[in-house]
Amino acid sequence: MFSKACEYGIRAVIYISSENKAGRKVSIQEICEAIEAPNHFTAKILQILSRNMIVNSQKGGHGGVYLDKF
């Protein structure tokens, strides 16, 4: 059994990956709505994932969360 943080992290990465295939960067708000998770909690999880280089984030008008192409 996974913790809620782990579950939300996995669901967020899967969602980001699916949107990344379409060439999109997604906002934290969009991720939260898609995976039905609390905004603040998800932001903290994504911050940890970003620090560990699992996802990337970019600030600004054309920013968002995305995965690097391998």
N, C-alpha and C. Protein backbone atom coordinates (compact mmCIF):
# COMPACT_ATOMS: atom_id res chain seq x y z
N MET A 1 0.85 -1.18 0.00
CA MET A 1 0.00 0.00 0.00
C MET A 1 0.89 1.24 0.00
N PHE A 2 0.55 2.19 -0.87
CA PHE A 2 1.32 3.43 -1.00
C PHE A 2 0.74 4.51 -0.09
N SER A 3 1.61 5.42 0.33
CA SER A 3 1.14 6.60 1.06
C SER A 3 0.42 7.51 0.07
N LYS A 4 -0.35 8.45 0.58
CA LYS A 4 -1.04 9.40 -0.29
C LYS A 4 -0.04 10.21 -1.12
N ALA A 5 1.07 10.61 -0.51
CA ALA A 5 2.07 11.38 -1.23
C ALA A 5 2.63 10.57 -2.39
N CYS A 6 2.92 9.30 -2.16
CA CYS A 6 3.44 8.44 -3.22
C CYS A 6 2.40 8.25 -4.31
N GLU A 7 1.16 8.01 -3.91
CA GLU A 7 0.08 7.82 -4.88
C GLU A 7 -0.10 9.07 -5.75
N TYR A 8 -0.16 10.24 -5.14
CA TYR A 8 -0.32 11.48 -5.89
C TYR A 8 0.89 11.73 -6.80
N GLY A 9 2.08 11.40 -6.31
CA GLY A 9 3.29 11.57 -7.12
C GLY A 9 3.26 10.70 -8.36
N ILE A 10 2.88 9.46 -8.21
CA ILE A 10 2.80 8.54 -9.34
C ILE A 10 1.74 9.01 -10.33
N ARG A 11 0.57 9.36 -9.82
CA ARG A 11 -0.51 9.82 -10.69
C ARG A 11 -0.11 11.10 -11.42
N ALA A 12 0.59 12.00 -10.74
CA ALA A 12 1.02 13.25 -11.36
C ALA A 12 2.02 12.99 -12.48
N VAL A 13 2.99 12.11 -12.25
CA VAL A 13 4.00 11.81 -13.27
C VAL A 13 3.35 11.15 -14.48
N ILE A 14 2.39 10.27 -14.26
CA ILE A 14 1.68 9.64 -15.37
C ILE A 14 0.93 10.69 -16.18
N TYR A 15 0.25 11.60 -15.49
CA TYR A 15 -0.49 12.66 -16.19
C TYR A 15 0.46 13.58 -16.96
N ILE A 16 1.55 13.98 -16.32
CA ILE A 16 2.53 14.85 -16.98
C ILE A 16 3.09 14.15 -18.22
N SER A 17 3.37 12.87 -18.11
CA SER A 17 3.90 12.10 -19.23
C SER A 17 2.91 12.06 -20.39
N SER A 18 1.65 11.86 -20.10
CA SER A 18 0.64 11.80 -21.17
C SER A 18 0.50 13.15 -21.88
N GLU A 19 0.59 14.24 -21.14
CA GLU A 19 0.51 15.56 -21.74
C GLU A 19 1.82 15.94 -22.44
N ASN A 20 2.91 15.42 -21.93
CA ASN A 20 4.22 15.70 -22.52
C ASN A 20 4.33 15.11 -23.92
N LYS A 21 3.68 13.98 -24.14
CA LYS A 21 3.69 13.35 -25.48
C LYS A 21 3.05 14.27 -26.51
N ALA A 22 2.11 15.09 -26.08
CA ALA A 22 1.46 16.06 -26.96
C ALA A 22 2.25 17.36 -27.06
N GLY A 23 3.39 17.42 -26.38
CA GLY A 23 4.24 18.60 -26.42
C GLY A 23 3.80 19.72 -25.50
N ARG A 24 3.02 19.39 -24.47
CA ARG A 24 2.50 20.41 -23.56
C ARG A 24 3.21 20.39 -22.22
N LYS A 25 3.36 21.57 -21.65
CA LYS A 25 3.75 21.72 -20.26
C LYS A 25 2.47 21.97 -19.49
N VAL A 26 2.33 21.39 -18.33
CA VAL A 26 1.07 21.51 -17.58
C VAL A 26 1.29 22.27 -16.28
N SER A 27 0.27 23.02 -15.89
CA SER A 27 0.34 23.78 -14.64
C SER A 27 0.02 22.87 -13.47
N ILE A 28 0.42 23.31 -12.30
CA ILE A 28 0.13 22.55 -11.09
C ILE A 28 -1.38 22.46 -10.88
N GLN A 29 -2.07 23.55 -11.16
CA GLN A 29 -3.53 23.56 -11.02
C GLN A 29 -4.18 22.51 -11.92
N GLU A 30 -3.71 22.43 -13.15
CA GLU A 30 -4.25 21.45 -14.09
C GLU A 30 -3.98 20.02 -13.62
N ILE A 31 -2.79 19.78 -13.09
CA ILE A 31 -2.44 18.46 -12.57
C ILE A 31 -3.36 18.11 -11.41
N CYS A 32 -3.55 19.05 -10.49
CA CYS A 32 -4.40 18.81 -9.32
C CYS A 32 -5.82 18.45 -9.73
N GLU A 33 -6.36 19.16 -10.70
CA GLU A 33 -7.71 18.88 -11.17
C GLU A 33 -7.79 17.51 -11.83
N ALA A 34 -6.77 17.17 -12.62
CA ALA A 34 -6.78 15.90 -13.35
C ALA A 34 -6.66 14.69 -12.42
N ILE A 35 -5.84 14.81 -11.37
CA ILE A 35 -5.62 13.66 -10.49
C ILE A 35 -6.43 13.76 -9.20
N GLU A 36 -7.25 14.81 -9.10
CA GLU A 36 -8.11 15.02 -7.93
C GLU A 36 -7.31 15.01 -6.63
N ALA A 37 -6.34 15.93 -6.57
CA ALA A 37 -5.47 16.02 -5.40
C ALA A 37 -5.45 17.46 -4.90
N PRO A 38 -5.16 17.66 -3.61
CA PRO A 38 -5.09 19.01 -3.06
C PRO A 38 -3.92 19.80 -3.68
N ASN A 39 -4.17 21.06 -3.94
CA ASN A 39 -3.21 21.92 -4.63
C ASN A 39 -1.88 22.06 -3.88
N HIS A 40 -1.93 22.46 -2.63
CA HIS A 40 -0.71 22.72 -1.86
C HIS A 40 0.11 21.44 -1.69
N PHE A 41 -0.55 20.35 -1.37
CA PHE A 41 0.12 19.06 -1.16
C PHE A 41 0.79 18.59 -2.46
N THR A 42 0.10 18.73 -3.57
CA THR A 42 0.65 18.32 -4.86
C THR A 42 1.83 19.19 -5.26
N ALA A 43 1.75 20.47 -4.98
CA ALA A 43 2.87 21.38 -5.28
C ALA A 43 4.13 20.95 -4.53
N LYS A 44 3.98 20.56 -3.28
CA LYS A 44 5.13 20.10 -2.49
C LYS A 44 5.70 18.81 -3.06
N ILE A 45 4.83 17.89 -3.48
CA ILE A 45 5.28 16.63 -4.06
C ILE A 45 6.04 16.90 -5.36
N LEU A 46 5.50 17.78 -6.21
CA LEU A 46 6.17 18.10 -7.46
C LEU A 46 7.50 18.80 -7.23
N GLN A 47 7.59 19.57 -6.16
CA GLN A 47 8.85 20.22 -5.81
C GLN A 47 9.91 19.16 -5.47
N ILE A 48 9.53 18.15 -4.74
CA ILE A 48 10.44 17.05 -4.40
C ILE A 48 10.84 16.29 -5.66
N LEU A 49 9.87 16.01 -6.53
CA LEU A 49 10.17 15.30 -7.77
C LEU A 49 11.10 16.12 -8.66
N SER A 50 10.93 17.42 -8.66
CA SER A 50 11.79 18.29 -9.45
C SER A 50 13.21 18.32 -8.89
N ARG A 51 13.32 18.40 -7.59
CA ARG A 51 14.64 18.40 -6.95
C ARG A 51 15.41 17.11 -7.24
N ASN A 52 14.66 16.01 -7.38
CA ASN A 52 15.28 14.71 -7.65
C ASN A 52 15.35 14.40 -9.14
N MET A 53 15.12 15.41 -9.96
CA MET A 53 15.24 15.36 -11.42
C MET A 53 14.34 14.30 -12.07
N ILE A 54 13.17 14.10 -11.51
CA ILE A 54 12.18 13.19 -12.10
C ILE A 54 11.30 13.99 -13.06
N VAL A 55 10.94 15.20 -12.66
CA VAL A 55 10.21 16.11 -13.54
C VAL A 55 10.99 17.42 -13.60
N ASN A 56 10.66 18.24 -14.57
CA ASN A 56 11.26 19.57 -14.70
C ASN A 56 10.16 20.61 -14.61
N SER A 57 10.52 21.81 -14.21
CA SER A 57 9.53 22.88 -14.17
C SER A 57 10.16 24.14 -14.74
N GLN A 58 9.29 24.95 -15.31
CA GLN A 58 9.72 26.22 -15.90
C GLN A 58 8.73 27.29 -15.49
N LYS A 59 9.25 28.39 -14.99
CA LYS A 59 8.40 29.51 -14.58
C LYS A 59 8.05 30.37 -15.78
N GLY A 60 7.01 31.17 -15.62
CA GLY A 60 6.67 32.14 -16.65
C GLY A 60 5.40 31.80 -17.40
N GLY A 61 5.09 32.63 -18.36
CA GLY A 61 3.87 32.50 -19.14
C GLY A 61 3.79 31.21 -19.94
N HIS A 62 4.92 30.74 -20.42
CA HIS A 62 4.95 29.49 -21.18
C HIS A 62 5.53 28.36 -20.34
N GLY A 63 5.45 28.51 -19.03
CA GLY A 63 6.03 27.54 -18.13
C GLY A 63 5.08 26.42 -17.77
N GLY A 64 5.52 25.59 -16.88
CA GLY A 64 4.74 24.48 -16.42
C GLY A 64 5.66 23.33 -16.02
N VAL A 65 5.06 22.20 -15.79
CA VAL A 65 5.80 21.01 -15.40
C VAL A 65 5.86 20.09 -16.62
N TYR A 66 7.02 19.47 -16.84
CA TYR A 66 7.20 18.61 -18.00
C TYR A 66 8.28 17.58 -17.70
N LEU A 67 8.42 16.61 -18.62
CA LEU A 67 9.48 15.62 -18.54
C LEU A 67 10.48 15.89 -19.64
N ASP A 68 11.75 15.62 -19.38
CA ASP A 68 12.77 15.75 -20.42
C ASP A 68 12.60 14.64 -21.44
N LYS A 69 12.98 14.92 -22.66
CA LYS A 69 12.97 13.89 -23.69
C LYS A 69 14.24 13.08 -23.55
N PHE A 70 14.13 11.79 -23.66
CA PHE A 70 15.29 10.91 -23.51
C PHE A 70 15.85 10.57 -24.86
